[in-house]
């Protein structure tokens, strides 16, 4: 059952109407009756000055009892600035992101998913 839930959360999403990409789950919040997962669907270089990336975020909710998954059909946009000051902007509201420490909220997790690229 767990594999099914993870597979459903990682569904592909229609970004541009023609291309779909797999969402990278970057944050999951657990509640008594459900879990909500946020996925990074796309990130591209930002055209807006002062930001590095323009991203699309997906949202899905999994019912803890039935295992049913609801996938929000919306395309949630955010802007991310990796440099100092690190920030995430949603609907014109800028949220400062502490880049040191554990973080833990969805904005810090989004910043890490976009700005901290693993080196191999």
PDB file of N, CA and C in Angstrom:
ATOM      1  N   UNK A   1       0.822  -1.191   0.000  1.00  0.00           N
ATOM      2  CA  UNK A   1       0.000   0.000   0.000  1.00  0.00           C
ATOM      3  C   UNK A   1       0.868   1.258   0.000  1.00  0.00           C
ATOM      4  N   UNK A   2       1.962   1.236   0.773  1.00  0.00           N
ATOM      5  CA  UNK A   2       2.859   2.396   0.840  1.00  0.00           C
ATOM      6  C   UNK A   2       3.420   2.719  -0.535  1.00  0.00           C
ATOM      7  N   UNK A   3       3.805   1.675  -1.303  1.00  0.00           N
ATOM      8  CA  UNK A   3       4.348   1.915  -2.636  1.00  0.00           C
ATOM      9  C   UNK A   3       3.307   2.563  -3.544  1.00  0.00           C
ATOM     10  N   UNK A   4       2.048   2.162  -3.398  1.00  0.00           N
ATOM     11  CA  UNK A   4       0.981   2.743  -4.197  1.00  0.00           C
ATOM     12  C   UNK A   4       0.814   4.224  -3.883  1.00  0.00           C
ATOM     13  N   UNK A   5       0.853   4.569  -2.596  1.00  0.00           N
ATOM     14  CA  UNK A   5       0.712   5.967  -2.197  1.00  0.00           C
ATOM     15  C   UNK A   5       1.851   6.800  -2.773  1.00  0.00           C
ATOM     16  N   UNK A   6       3.086   6.296  -2.635  1.00  0.00           N
ATOM     17  CA  UNK A   6       4.222   7.041  -3.181  1.00  0.00           C
ATOM     18  C   UNK A   6       4.122   7.177  -4.697  1.00  0.00           C
ATOM     19  N   UNK A   7       3.657   6.141  -5.368  1.00  0.00           N
ATOM     20  CA  UNK A   7       3.515   6.208  -6.818  1.00  0.00           C
ATOM     21  C   UNK A   7       2.467   7.247  -7.216  1.00  0.00           C
ATOM     22  N   UNK A   8       1.381   7.295  -6.469  1.00  0.00           N
ATOM     23  CA  UNK A   8       0.336   8.266  -6.773  1.00  0.00           C
ATOM     24  C   UNK A   8       0.786   9.694  -6.520  1.00  0.00           C
ATOM     25  N   UNK A   9       1.569   9.896  -5.463  1.00  0.00           N
ATOM     26  CA  UNK A   9       2.062  11.246  -5.160  1.00  0.00           C
ATOM     27  C   UNK A   9       3.013  11.719  -6.247  1.00  0.00           C
ATOM     28  N   UNK A  10       3.745  10.804  -6.839  1.00  0.00           N
ATOM     29  CA  UNK A  10       4.738  11.166  -7.857  1.00  0.00           C
ATOM     30  C   UNK A  10       4.166  11.117  -9.277  1.00  0.00           C
ATOM     31  N   UNK A  11       2.852  11.317  -9.408  1.00  0.00           N
ATOM     32  CA  UNK A  11       2.232  11.341 -10.739  1.00  0.00           C
ATOM     33  C   UNK A  11       2.801  12.469 -11.582  1.00  0.00           C
ATOM     34  N   UNK A  12       2.649  12.340 -12.857  1.00  0.00           N
ATOM     35  CA  UNK A  12       3.076  13.435 -13.722  1.00  0.00           C
ATOM     36  C   UNK A  12       1.993  14.486 -13.812  1.00  0.00           C
ATOM     37  N   UNK A  13       2.416  15.728 -14.012  1.00  0.00           N
ATOM     38  CA  UNK A  13       1.510  16.864 -14.056  1.00  0.00           C
ATOM     39  C   UNK A  13       1.709  17.602 -15.360  1.00  0.00           C
ATOM     40  N   UNK A  14       0.628  18.135 -15.916  1.00  0.00           N
ATOM     41  CA  UNK A  14       0.685  18.905 -17.152  1.00  0.00           C
ATOM     42  C   UNK A  14       1.092  20.335 -16.826  1.00  0.00           C
ATOM     43  N   UNK A  15       2.289  20.722 -17.227  1.00  0.00           N
ATOM     44  CA  UNK A  15       2.813  22.046 -16.902  1.00  0.00           C
ATOM     45  C   UNK A  15       2.464  23.060 -17.984  1.00  0.00           C
ATOM     46  N   UNK A  16       2.852  22.791 -19.174  1.00  0.00           N
ATOM     47  CA  UNK A  16       2.703  23.788 -20.229  1.00  0.00           C
ATOM     48  C   UNK A  16       1.568  23.456 -21.191  1.00  0.00           C
ATOM     49  N   UNK A  17       0.838  22.408 -20.910  1.00  0.00           N
ATOM     50  CA  UNK A  17      -0.203  21.995 -21.844  1.00  0.00           C
ATOM     51  C   UNK A  17       0.303  20.940 -22.806  1.00  0.00           C
ATOM     52  N   UNK A  18       1.616  20.872 -23.001  1.00  0.00           N
ATOM     53  CA  UNK A  18       2.160  19.886 -23.927  1.00  0.00           C
ATOM     54  C   UNK A  18       3.188  18.985 -23.267  1.00  0.00           C
ATOM     55  N   UNK A  19       3.884  19.509 -22.260  1.00  0.00           N
ATOM     56  CA  UNK A  19       4.936  18.715 -21.626  1.00  0.00           C
ATOM     57  C   UNK A  19       4.557  18.416 -20.185  1.00  0.00           C
ATOM     58  N   UNK A  20       4.875  17.210 -19.744  1.00  0.00           N
ATOM     59  CA  UNK A  20       4.623  16.840 -18.361  1.00  0.00           C
ATOM     60  C   UNK A  20       5.922  16.353 -17.748  1.00  0.00           C
ATOM     61  N   UNK A  21       6.085  16.649 -16.476  1.00  0.00           N
ATOM     62  CA  UNK A  21       7.278  16.215 -15.760  1.00  0.00           C
ATOM     63  C   UNK A  21       6.854  15.554 -14.466  1.00  0.00           C
ATOM     64  N   UNK A  22       7.721  14.736 -13.909  1.00  0.00           N
ATOM     65  CA  UNK A  22       7.441  14.073 -12.653  1.00  0.00           C
ATOM     66  C   UNK A  22       7.748  15.027 -11.501  1.00  0.00           C
ATOM     67  N   UNK A  23       6.841  15.075 -10.522  1.00  0.00           N
ATOM     68  CA  UNK A  23       7.032  15.960  -9.373  1.00  0.00           C
ATOM     69  C   UNK A  23       7.995  15.332  -8.373  1.00  0.00           C
ATOM     70  N   UNK A  24       8.902  16.148  -7.846  1.00  0.00           N
ATOM     71  CA  UNK A  24       9.823  15.740  -6.802  1.00  0.00           C
ATOM     72  C   UNK A  24       9.228  16.212  -5.478  1.00  0.00           C
ATOM     73  N   UNK A  25       8.785  15.280  -4.633  1.00  0.00           N
ATOM     74  CA  UNK A  25       8.189  15.656  -3.353  1.00  0.00           C
ATOM     75  C   UNK A  25       9.283  16.252  -2.474  1.00  0.00           C
ATOM     76  N   UNK A  26       9.075  17.503  -2.059  1.00  0.00           N
ATOM     77  CA  UNK A  26      10.076  18.178  -1.240  1.00  0.00           C
ATOM     78  C   UNK A  26       9.597  18.428   0.184  1.00  0.00           C
ATOM     79  N   UNK A  27       8.300  18.266   0.445  1.00  0.00           N
ATOM     80  CA  UNK A  27       7.795  18.494   1.801  1.00  0.00           C
ATOM     81  C   UNK A  27       6.520  17.685   2.000  1.00  0.00           C
ATOM     82  N   UNK A  28       6.422  17.017   3.145  1.00  0.00           N
ATOM     83  CA  UNK A  28       5.211  16.294   3.520  1.00  0.00           C
ATOM     84  C   UNK A  28       4.852  16.656   4.946  1.00  0.00           C
ATOM     85  N   UNK A  29       3.607  17.049   5.139  1.00  0.00           N
ATOM     86  CA  UNK A  29       3.099  17.372   6.474  1.00  0.00           C
ATOM     87  C   UNK A  29       2.127  16.270   6.889  1.00  0.00           C
ATOM     88  N   UNK A  30       2.308  15.741   8.085  1.00  0.00           N
ATOM     89  CA  UNK A  30       1.459  14.672   8.608  1.00  0.00           C
ATOM     90  C   UNK A  30       0.415  15.248   9.549  1.00  0.00           C
ATOM     91  N   UNK A  31      -0.824  14.863   9.336  1.00  0.00           N
ATOM     92  CA  UNK A  31      -1.921  15.244  10.214  1.00  0.00           C
ATOM     93  C   UNK A  31      -2.575  13.963  10.720  1.00  0.00           C
ATOM     94  N   UNK A  32      -3.487  14.092  11.646  1.00  0.00           N
ATOM     95  CA  UNK A  32      -4.121  12.913  12.228  1.00  0.00           C
ATOM     96  C   UNK A  32      -4.857  12.092  11.179  1.00  0.00           C
ATOM     97  N   UNK A  33      -5.555  12.753  10.271  1.00  0.00           N
ATOM     98  CA  UNK A  33      -6.387  12.039   9.314  1.00  0.00           C
ATOM     99  C   UNK A  33      -5.859  12.040   7.880  1.00  0.00           C
ATOM    100  N   UNK A  34      -4.747  12.718   7.640  1.00  0.00           N
ATOM    101  CA  UNK A  34      -4.239  12.801   6.267  1.00  0.00           C
ATOM    102  C   UNK A  34      -2.798  13.289   6.261  1.00  0.00           C
ATOM    103  N   UNK A  35      -2.171  13.142   5.118  1.00  0.00           N
ATOM    104  CA  UNK A  35      -0.865  13.760   4.890  1.00  0.00           C
ATOM    105  C   UNK A  35      -0.981  14.610   3.627  1.00  0.00           C
ATOM    106  N   UNK A  36      -0.265  15.718   3.625  1.00  0.00           N
ATOM    107  CA  UNK A  36      -0.259  16.620   2.480  1.00  0.00           C
ATOM    108  C   UNK A  36       1.166  16.691   1.965  1.00  0.00           C
ATOM    109  N   UNK A  37       1.325  16.456   0.675  1.00  0.00           N
ATOM    110  CA  UNK A  37       2.647  16.475   0.052  1.00  0.00           C
ATOM    111  C   UNK A  37       2.719  17.600  -0.967  1.00  0.00           C
ATOM    112  N   UNK A  38       3.853  18.295  -0.952  1.00  0.00           N
ATOM    113  CA  UNK A  38       4.137  19.332  -1.929  1.00  0.00           C
ATOM    114  C   UNK A  38       5.243  18.827  -2.835  1.00  0.00           C
ATOM    115  N   UNK A  39       5.052  18.968  -4.121  1.00  0.00           N
ATOM    116  CA  UNK A  39       6.031  18.493  -5.084  1.00  0.00           C
ATOM    117  C   UNK A  39       6.536  19.605  -5.983  1.00  0.00           C
ATOM    118  N   UNK A  40       7.786  19.525  -6.327  1.00  0.00           N
ATOM    119  CA  UNK A  40       8.399  20.460  -7.269  1.00  0.00           C
ATOM    120  C   UNK A  40       8.189  19.893  -8.668  1.00  0.00           C
ATOM    121  N   UNK A  41       7.310  20.537  -9.415  1.00  0.00           N
ATOM    122  CA  UNK A  41       6.961  20.051 -10.744  1.00  0.00           C
ATOM    123  C   UNK A  41       7.939  20.570 -11.786  1.00  0.00           C
ATOM    124  N   UNK A  42       8.289  21.857 -11.676  1.00  0.00           N
ATOM    125  CA  UNK A  42       9.253  22.422 -12.613  1.00  0.00           C
ATOM    126  C   UNK A  42       9.960  23.585 -11.958  1.00  0.00           C
ATOM    127  N   UNK A  43      11.153  23.826 -12.411  1.00  0.00           N
ATOM    128  CA  UNK A  43      11.869  25.041 -12.021  1.00  0.00           C
ATOM    129  C   UNK A  43      12.660  25.505 -13.236  1.00  0.00           C
ATOM    130  N   UNK A  44      12.604  26.795 -13.431  1.00  0.00           N
ATOM    131  CA  UNK A  44      13.338  27.395 -14.548  1.00  0.00           C
ATOM    132  C   UNK A  44      13.909  28.721 -14.061  1.00  0.00           C
ATOM    133  N   UNK A  45      14.809  29.249 -14.812  1.00  0.00           N
ATOM    134  CA  UNK A  45      15.418  30.529 -14.454  1.00  0.00           C
ATOM    135  C   UNK A  45      14.327  31.595 -14.394  1.00  0.00           C
ATOM    136  N   UNK A  46      14.379  32.399 -13.357  1.00  0.00           N
ATOM    137  CA  UNK A  46      13.364  33.441 -13.178  1.00  0.00           C
ATOM    138  C   UNK A  46      13.622  34.611 -14.110  1.00  0.00           C
ATOM    139  N   UNK A  47      12.558  35.169 -14.623  1.00  0.00           N
ATOM    140  CA  UNK A  47      12.657  36.379 -15.432  1.00  0.00           C
ATOM    141  C   UNK A  47      12.536  37.621 -14.554  1.00  0.00           C
ATOM    142  N   UNK A  48      12.001  37.455 -13.368  1.00  0.00           N
ATOM    143  CA  UNK A  48      11.822  38.591 -12.458  1.00  0.00           C
ATOM    144  C   UNK A  48      13.140  38.905 -11.759  1.00  0.00           C
ATOM    145  N   UNK A  49      13.586  40.141 -11.825  1.00  0.00           N
ATOM    146  CA  UNK A  49      14.838  40.523 -11.162  1.00  0.00           C
ATOM    147  C   UNK A  49      14.772  40.256  -9.657  1.00  0.00           C
ATOM    148  N   UNK A  50      15.897  39.814  -9.104  1.00  0.00           N
ATOM    149  CA  UNK A  50      15.976  39.556  -7.673  1.00  0.00           C
ATOM    150  C   UNK A  50      15.674  38.130  -7.289  1.00  0.00           C
ATOM    151  N   UNK A  51      15.317  37.294  -8.263  1.00  0.00           N
ATOM    152  CA  UNK A  51      15.039  35.883  -7.991  1.00  0.00           C
ATOM    153  C   UNK A  51      15.807  35.016  -8.974  1.00  0.00           C
ATOM    154  N   UNK A  52      16.124  33.812  -8.530  1.00  0.00           N
ATOM    155  CA  UNK A  52      16.881  32.885  -9.367  1.00  0.00           C
ATOM    156  C   UNK A  52      15.993  31.917 -10.130  1.00  0.00           C
ATOM    157  N   UNK A  53      14.910  31.451  -9.496  1.00  0.00           N
ATOM    158  CA  UNK A  53      14.073  30.415 -10.099  1.00  0.00           C
ATOM    159  C   UNK A  53      12.597  30.745  -9.997  1.00  0.00           C
ATOM    160  N   UNK A  54      11.880  30.366 -11.043  1.00  0.00           N
ATOM    161  CA  UNK A  54      10.424  30.404 -11.096  1.00  0.00           C
ATOM    162  C   UNK A  54      10.003  28.939 -11.047  1.00  0.00           C
ATOM    163  N   UNK A  55       9.220  28.547 -10.039  1.00  0.00           N
ATOM    164  CA  UNK A  55       8.890  27.136  -9.855  1.00  0.00           C
ATOM    165  C   UNK A  55       7.383  26.916  -9.884  1.00  0.00           C
ATOM    166  N   UNK A  56       6.997  25.689 -10.184  1.00  0.00           N
ATOM    167  CA  UNK A  56       5.612  25.243 -10.108  1.00  0.00           C
ATOM    168  C   UNK A  56       5.558  24.153  -9.029  1.00  0.00           C
ATOM    169  N   UNK A  57       4.595  24.294  -8.124  1.00  0.00           N
ATOM    170  CA  UNK A  57       4.444  23.366  -7.003  1.00  0.00           C
ATOM    171  C   UNK A  57       3.120  22.620  -7.149  1.00  0.00           C
ATOM    172  N   UNK A  58       3.160  21.307  -6.928  1.00  0.00           N
ATOM    173  CA  UNK A  58       1.939  20.504  -6.899  1.00  0.00           C
ATOM    174  C   UNK A  58       1.561  20.228  -5.452  1.00  0.00           C
ATOM    175  N   UNK A  59       0.302  19.927  -5.229  1.00  0.00           N
ATOM    176  CA  UNK A  59      -0.191  19.612  -3.899  1.00  0.00           C
ATOM    177  C   UNK A  59      -1.061  18.370  -3.989  1.00  0.00           C
ATOM    178  N   UNK A  60      -0.812  17.412  -3.104  1.00  0.00           N
ATOM    179  CA  UNK A  60      -1.668  16.229  -3.045  1.00  0.00           C
ATOM    180  C   UNK A  60      -1.918  15.883  -1.585  1.00  0.00           C
ATOM    181  N   UNK A  61      -3.082  15.287  -1.344  1.00  0.00           N
ATOM    182  CA  UNK A  61      -3.467  14.905   0.007  1.00  0.00           C
ATOM    183  C   UNK A  61      -3.815  13.428   0.000  1.00  0.00           C
ATOM    184  N   UNK A  62      -3.287  12.695   0.972  1.00  0.00           N
ATOM    185  CA  UNK A  62      -3.565  11.278   1.107  1.00  0.00           C
ATOM    186  C   UNK A  62      -4.338  11.048   2.398  1.00  0.00           C
ATOM    187  N   UNK A  63      -5.517  10.430   2.283  1.00  0.00           N
ATOM    188  CA  UNK A  63      -6.329  10.117   3.445  1.00  0.00           C
ATOM    189  C   UNK A  63      -5.665   8.987   4.222  1.00  0.00           C
ATOM    190  N   UNK A  64      -5.458   9.185   5.525  1.00  0.00           N
ATOM    191  CA  UNK A  64      -4.745   8.206   6.342  1.00  0.00           C
ATOM    192  C   UNK A  64      -5.528   6.907   6.511  1.00  0.00           C
ATOM    193  N   UNK A  65      -6.845   6.968   6.472  1.00  0.00           N
ATOM    194  CA  UNK A  65      -7.667   5.775   6.685  1.00  0.00           C
ATOM    195  C   UNK A  65      -7.872   5.003   5.395  1.00  0.00           C
ATOM    196  N   UNK A  66      -8.340   5.682   4.356  1.00  0.00           N
ATOM    197  CA  UNK A  66      -8.686   4.992   3.113  1.00  0.00           C
ATOM    198  C   UNK A  66      -7.524   4.887   2.136  1.00  0.00           C
ATOM    199  N   UNK A  67      -6.519   5.747   2.295  1.00  0.00           N
ATOM    200  CA  UNK A  67      -5.408   5.760   1.348  1.00  0.00           C
ATOM    201  C   UNK A  67      -5.733   6.495   0.058  1.00  0.00           C
ATOM    202  N   UNK A  68      -6.937   7.051  -0.048  1.00  0.00           N
ATOM    203  CA  UNK A  68      -7.317   7.787  -1.254  1.00  0.00           C
ATOM    204  C   UNK A  68      -6.482   9.047  -1.382  1.00  0.00           C
ATOM    205  N   UNK A  69      -6.139   9.351  -2.605  1.00  0.00           N
ATOM    206  CA  UNK A  69      -5.290  10.510  -2.886  1.00  0.00           C
ATOM    207  C   UNK A  69      -6.090  11.546  -3.663  1.00  0.00           C
ATOM    208  N   UNK A  70      -6.035  12.781  -3.184  1.00  0.00           N
ATOM    209  CA  UNK A  70      -6.602  13.910  -3.912  1.00  0.00           C
ATOM    210  C   UNK A  70      -5.446  14.717  -4.471  1.00  0.00           C
ATOM    211  N   UNK A  71      -5.470  14.957  -5.761  1.00  0.00           N
ATOM    212  CA  UNK A  71      -4.432  15.756  -6.417  1.00  0.00           C
ATOM    213  C   UNK A  71      -5.039  17.089  -6.800  1.00  0.00           C
ATOM    214  N   UNK A  72      -4.539  18.153  -6.233  1.00  0.00           N
ATOM    215  CA  UNK A  72      -4.999  19.499  -6.554  1.00  0.00           C
ATOM    216  C   UNK A  72      -4.638  19.795  -8.004  1.00  0.00           C
ATOM    217  N   UNK A  73      -5.618  20.158  -8.830  1.00  0.00           N
ATOM    218  CA  UNK A  73      -5.323  20.421 -10.239  1.00  0.00           C
ATOM    219  C   UNK A  73      -4.637  21.764 -10.478  1.00  0.00           C
ATOM    220  N   UNK A  74      -4.503  22.580  -9.440  1.00  0.00           N
ATOM    221  CA  UNK A  74      -3.906  23.911  -9.605  1.00  0.00           C
ATOM    222  C   UNK A  74      -2.425  23.865  -9.894  1.00  0.00           C
ATOM    223  N   UNK A  75      -1.948  24.938 -10.502  1.00  0.00           N
ATOM    224  CA  UNK A  75      -0.517  25.133 -10.761  1.00  0.00           C
ATOM    225  C   UNK A  75      -0.072  26.262  -9.845  1.00  0.00           C
ATOM    226  N   UNK A  76       0.614  25.922  -8.784  1.00  0.00           N
ATOM    227  CA  UNK A  76       0.995  26.894  -7.766  1.00  0.00           C
ATOM    228  C   UNK A  76       2.403  27.408  -8.054  1.00  0.00           C
ATOM    229  N   UNK A  77       2.504  28.692  -8.323  1.00  0.00           N
ATOM    230  CA  UNK A  77       3.782  29.301  -8.688  1.00  0.00           C
ATOM    231  C   UNK A  77       4.448  29.912  -7.471  1.00  0.00           C
ATOM    232  N   UNK A  78       5.767  29.877  -7.490  1.00  0.00           N
ATOM    233  CA  UNK A  78       6.572  30.546  -6.465  1.00  0.00           C
ATOM    234  C   UNK A  78       7.879  30.980  -7.116  1.00  0.00           C
ATOM    235  N   UNK A  79       8.508  31.960  -6.512  1.00  0.00           N
ATOM    236  CA  UNK A  79       9.830  32.415  -6.939  1.00  0.00           C
ATOM    237  C   UNK A  79      10.808  32.114  -5.817  1.00  0.00           C
ATOM    238  N   UNK A  80      12.025  31.751  -6.185  1.00  0.00           N
ATOM    239  CA  UNK A  80      13.041  31.380  -5.196  1.00  0.00           C
ATOM    240  C   UNK A  80      14.316  32.171  -5.459  1.00  0.00           C
ATOM    241  N   UNK A  81      14.874  32.735  -4.389  1.00  0.00           N
ATOM    242  CA  UNK A  81      16.180  33.394  -4.467  1.00  0.00           C
ATOM    243  C   UNK A  81      17.144  32.584  -3.617  1.00  0.00           C
ATOM    244  N   UNK A  82      18.200  32.079  -4.242  1.00  0.00           N
ATOM    245  CA  UNK A  82      19.159  31.223  -3.544  1.00  0.00           C
ATOM    246  C   UNK A  82      20.174  32.023  -2.736  1.00  0.00           C
ATOM    247  N   UNK A  83      20.594  33.174  -3.253  1.00  0.00           N
ATOM    248  CA  UNK A  83      21.623  33.973  -2.581  1.00  0.00           C
ATOM    249  C   UNK A  83      21.094  34.699  -1.360  1.00  0.00           C
ATOM    250  N   UNK A  84      21.998  35.482  -0.775  1.00  0.00           N
ATOM    251  CA  UNK A  84      21.653  36.216   0.437  1.00  0.00           C
ATOM    252  C   UNK A  84      20.948  37.517   0.067  1.00  0.00           C
ATOM    253  N   UNK A  85      19.777  37.835   0.577  1.00  0.00           N
ATOM    254  CA  UNK A  85      19.005  37.031   1.515  1.00  0.00           C
ATOM    255  C   UNK A  85      18.194  35.953   0.785  1.00  0.00           C
ATOM    256  N   UNK A  86      18.238  34.746   1.309  1.00  0.00           N
ATOM    257  CA  UNK A  86      17.480  33.636   0.731  1.00  0.00           C
ATOM    258  C   UNK A  86      16.003  33.878   0.990  1.00  0.00           C
ATOM    259  N   UNK A  87      15.187  33.675  -0.065  1.00  0.00           N
ATOM    260  CA  UNK A  87      13.761  33.904   0.124  1.00  0.00           C
ATOM    261  C   UNK A  87      12.937  33.129  -0.893  1.00  0.00           C
ATOM    262  N   UNK A  88      11.663  32.955  -0.527  1.00  0.00           N
ATOM    263  CA  UNK A  88      10.658  32.351  -1.391  1.00  0.00           C
ATOM    264  C   UNK A  88       9.522  33.363  -1.479  1.00  0.00           C
ATOM    265  N   UNK A  89       9.022  33.596  -2.678  1.00  0.00           N
ATOM    266  CA  UNK A  89       7.936  34.545  -2.877  1.00  0.00           C
ATOM    267  C   UNK A  89       6.723  33.816  -3.444  1.00  0.00           C
ATOM    268  N   UNK A  90       5.576  34.022  -2.785  1.00  0.00           N
ATOM    269  CA  UNK A  90       4.326  33.416  -3.226  1.00  0.00           C
ATOM    270  C   UNK A  90       3.278  34.516  -3.291  1.00  0.00           C
ATOM    271  N   UNK A  91       2.672  34.689  -4.459  1.00  0.00           N
ATOM    272  CA  UNK A  91       1.644  35.713  -4.670  1.00  0.00           C
ATOM    273  C   UNK A  91       2.089  37.098  -4.221  1.00  0.00           C
ATOM    274  N   UNK A  92       3.343  37.411  -4.494  1.00  0.00           N
ATOM    275  CA  UNK A  92       3.863  38.733  -4.192  1.00  0.00           C
ATOM    276  C   UNK A  92       4.317  38.947  -2.760  1.00  0.00           C
ATOM    277  N   UNK A  93       4.210  37.934  -1.925  1.00  0.00           N
ATOM    278  CA  UNK A  93       4.659  38.027  -0.535  1.00  0.00           C
ATOM    279  C   UNK A  93       5.994  37.301  -0.418  1.00  0.00           C
ATOM    280  N   UNK A  94       7.021  38.019   0.042  1.00  0.00           N
ATOM    281  CA  UNK A  94       8.351  37.435   0.205  1.00  0.00           C
ATOM    282  C   UNK A  94       8.503  36.862   1.602  1.00  0.00           C
ATOM    283  N   UNK A  95       8.988  35.622   1.675  1.00  0.00           N
ATOM    284  CA  UNK A  95       9.252  34.940   2.942  1.00  0.00           C
ATOM    285  C   UNK A  95      10.746  34.678   3.027  1.00  0.00           C
ATOM    286  N   UNK A  96      11.385  35.217   4.042  1.00  0.00           N
ATOM    287  CA  UNK A  96      12.809  34.975   4.235  1.00  0.00           C
ATOM    288  C   UNK A  96      12.999  33.526   4.692  1.00  0.00           C
ATOM    289  N   UNK A  97      14.060  32.898   4.193  1.00  0.00           N
ATOM    290  CA  UNK A  97      14.330  31.496   4.498  1.00  0.00           C
ATOM    291  C   UNK A  97      15.658  31.397   5.223  1.00  0.00           C
ATOM    292  N   UNK A  98      15.659  30.829   6.431  1.00  0.00           N
ATOM    293  CA  UNK A  98      16.939  30.619   7.109  1.00  0.00           C
ATOM    294  C   UNK A  98      17.695  29.478   6.417  1.00  0.00           C
ATOM    295  N   UNK A  99      18.874  29.782   5.903  1.00  0.00           N
ATOM    296  CA  UNK A  99      19.602  28.753   5.150  1.00  0.00           C
ATOM    297  C   UNK A  99      20.485  27.897   6.042  1.00  0.00           C
ATOM    298  N   UNK A 100      20.642  28.284   7.290  1.00  0.00           N
ATOM    299  CA  UNK A 100      21.379  27.433   8.221  1.00  0.00           C
ATOM    300  C   UNK A 100      20.380  26.804   9.180  1.00  0.00           C
ATOM    301  N   UNK A 101      20.686  25.633   9.650  1.00  0.00           N
ATOM    302  CA  UNK A 101      19.788  24.955  10.575  1.00  0.00           C
ATOM    303  C   UNK A 101      18.855  24.005   9.858  1.00  0.00           C
ATOM    304  N   UNK A 102      17.960  23.434  10.628  1.00  0.00           N
ATOM    305  CA  UNK A 102      17.096  22.378  10.129  1.00  0.00           C
ATOM    306  C   UNK A 102      15.970  22.885   9.237  1.00  0.00           C
ATOM    307  N   UNK A 103      15.531  24.123   9.446  1.00  0.00           N
ATOM    308  CA  UNK A 103      14.410  24.607   8.648  1.00  0.00           C
ATOM    309  C   UNK A 103      13.140  23.901   9.064  1.00  0.00           C
ATOM    310  N   UNK A 104      12.546  23.147   8.151  1.00  0.00           N
ATOM    311  CA  UNK A 104      11.395  22.336   8.501  1.00  0.00           C
ATOM    312  C   UNK A 104      10.079  22.801   7.924  1.00  0.00           C
ATOM    313  N   UNK A 105       9.908  24.091   7.631  1.00  0.00           N
ATOM    314  CA  UNK A 105       8.648  24.471   7.009  1.00  0.00           C
ATOM    315  C   UNK A 105       8.768  24.284   5.499  1.00  0.00           C
ATOM    316  N   UNK A 106       7.641  24.382   4.807  1.00  0.00           N
ATOM    317  CA  UNK A 106       7.635  24.056   3.387  1.00  0.00           C
ATOM    318  C   UNK A 106       8.484  25.025   2.568  1.00  0.00           C
ATOM    319  N   UNK A 107       8.562  26.275   3.002  1.00  0.00           N
ATOM    320  CA  UNK A 107       9.353  27.254   2.240  1.00  0.00           C
ATOM    321  C   UNK A 107      10.843  26.933   2.322  1.00  0.00           C
ATOM    322  N   UNK A 108      11.315  26.564   3.504  1.00  0.00           N
ATOM    323  CA  UNK A 108      12.725  26.177   3.659  1.00  0.00           C
ATOM    324  C   UNK A 108      13.012  24.893   2.883  1.00  0.00           C
ATOM    325  N   UNK A 109      12.063  23.956   2.908  1.00  0.00           N
ATOM    326  CA  UNK A 109      12.254  22.706   2.160  1.00  0.00           C
ATOM    327  C   UNK A 109      12.251  22.952   0.655  1.00  0.00           C
ATOM    328  N   UNK A 110      11.406  23.877   0.191  1.00  0.00           N
ATOM    329  CA  UNK A 110      11.411  24.234  -1.230  1.00  0.00           C
ATOM    330  C   UNK A 110      12.747  24.859  -1.604  1.00  0.00           C
ATOM    331  N   UNK A 111      13.225  25.796  -0.781  1.00  0.00           N
ATOM    332  CA  UNK A 111      14.498  26.452  -1.042  1.00  0.00           C
ATOM    333  C   UNK A 111      15.618  25.424  -1.151  1.00  0.00           C
ATOM    334  N   UNK A 112      15.646  24.461  -0.234  1.00  0.00           N
ATOM    335  CA  UNK A 112      16.685  23.428  -0.263  1.00  0.00           C
ATOM    336  C   UNK A 112      16.580  22.560  -1.519  1.00  0.00           C
ATOM    337  N   UNK A 113      15.360  22.214  -1.900  1.00  0.00           N
ATOM    338  CA  UNK A 113      15.165  21.371  -3.088  1.00  0.00           C
ATOM    339  C   UNK A 113      15.638  22.071  -4.360  1.00  0.00           C
ATOM    340  N   UNK A 114      15.493  23.387  -4.403  1.00  0.00           N
ATOM    341  CA  UNK A 114      15.870  24.144  -5.598  1.00  0.00           C
ATOM    342  C   UNK A 114      17.327  24.600  -5.554  1.00  0.00           C
ATOM    343  N   UNK A 115      17.773  25.057  -4.403  1.00  0.00           N
ATOM    344  CA  UNK A 115      19.076  25.717  -4.320  1.00  0.00           C
ATOM    345  C   UNK A 115      20.236  24.828  -3.886  1.00  0.00           C
ATOM    346  N   UNK A 116      19.959  23.765  -3.181  1.00  0.00           N
ATOM    347  CA  UNK A 116      21.041  22.877  -2.728  1.00  0.00           C
ATOM    348  C   UNK A 116      21.096  21.666  -3.651  1.00  0.00           C
ATOM    349  N   UNK A 117      21.792  21.827  -4.745  1.00  0.00           N
ATOM    350  CA  UNK A 117      21.923  20.767  -5.728  1.00  0.00           C
ATOM    351  C   UNK A 117      22.998  19.784  -5.283  1.00  0.00           C
ATOM    352  N   UNK A 118      22.643  18.490  -5.211  1.00  0.00           N
ATOM    353  CA  UNK A 118      23.660  17.507  -4.843  1.00  0.00           C
ATOM    354  C   UNK A 118      24.778  17.450  -5.886  1.00  0.00           C
ATOM    355  N   UNK A 119      25.988  17.312  -5.402  1.00  0.00           N
ATOM    356  CA  UNK A 119      27.145  17.200  -6.285  1.00  0.00           C
ATOM    357  C   UNK A 119      27.605  15.757  -6.292  1.00  0.00           C
ATOM    358  N   UNK A 120      27.783  15.205  -7.500  1.00  0.00           N
ATOM    359  CA  UNK A 120      28.234  13.808  -7.560  1.00  0.00           C
ATOM    360  C   UNK A 120      29.592  13.696  -8.213  1.00  0.00           C
TER     361      UNK A 120
END
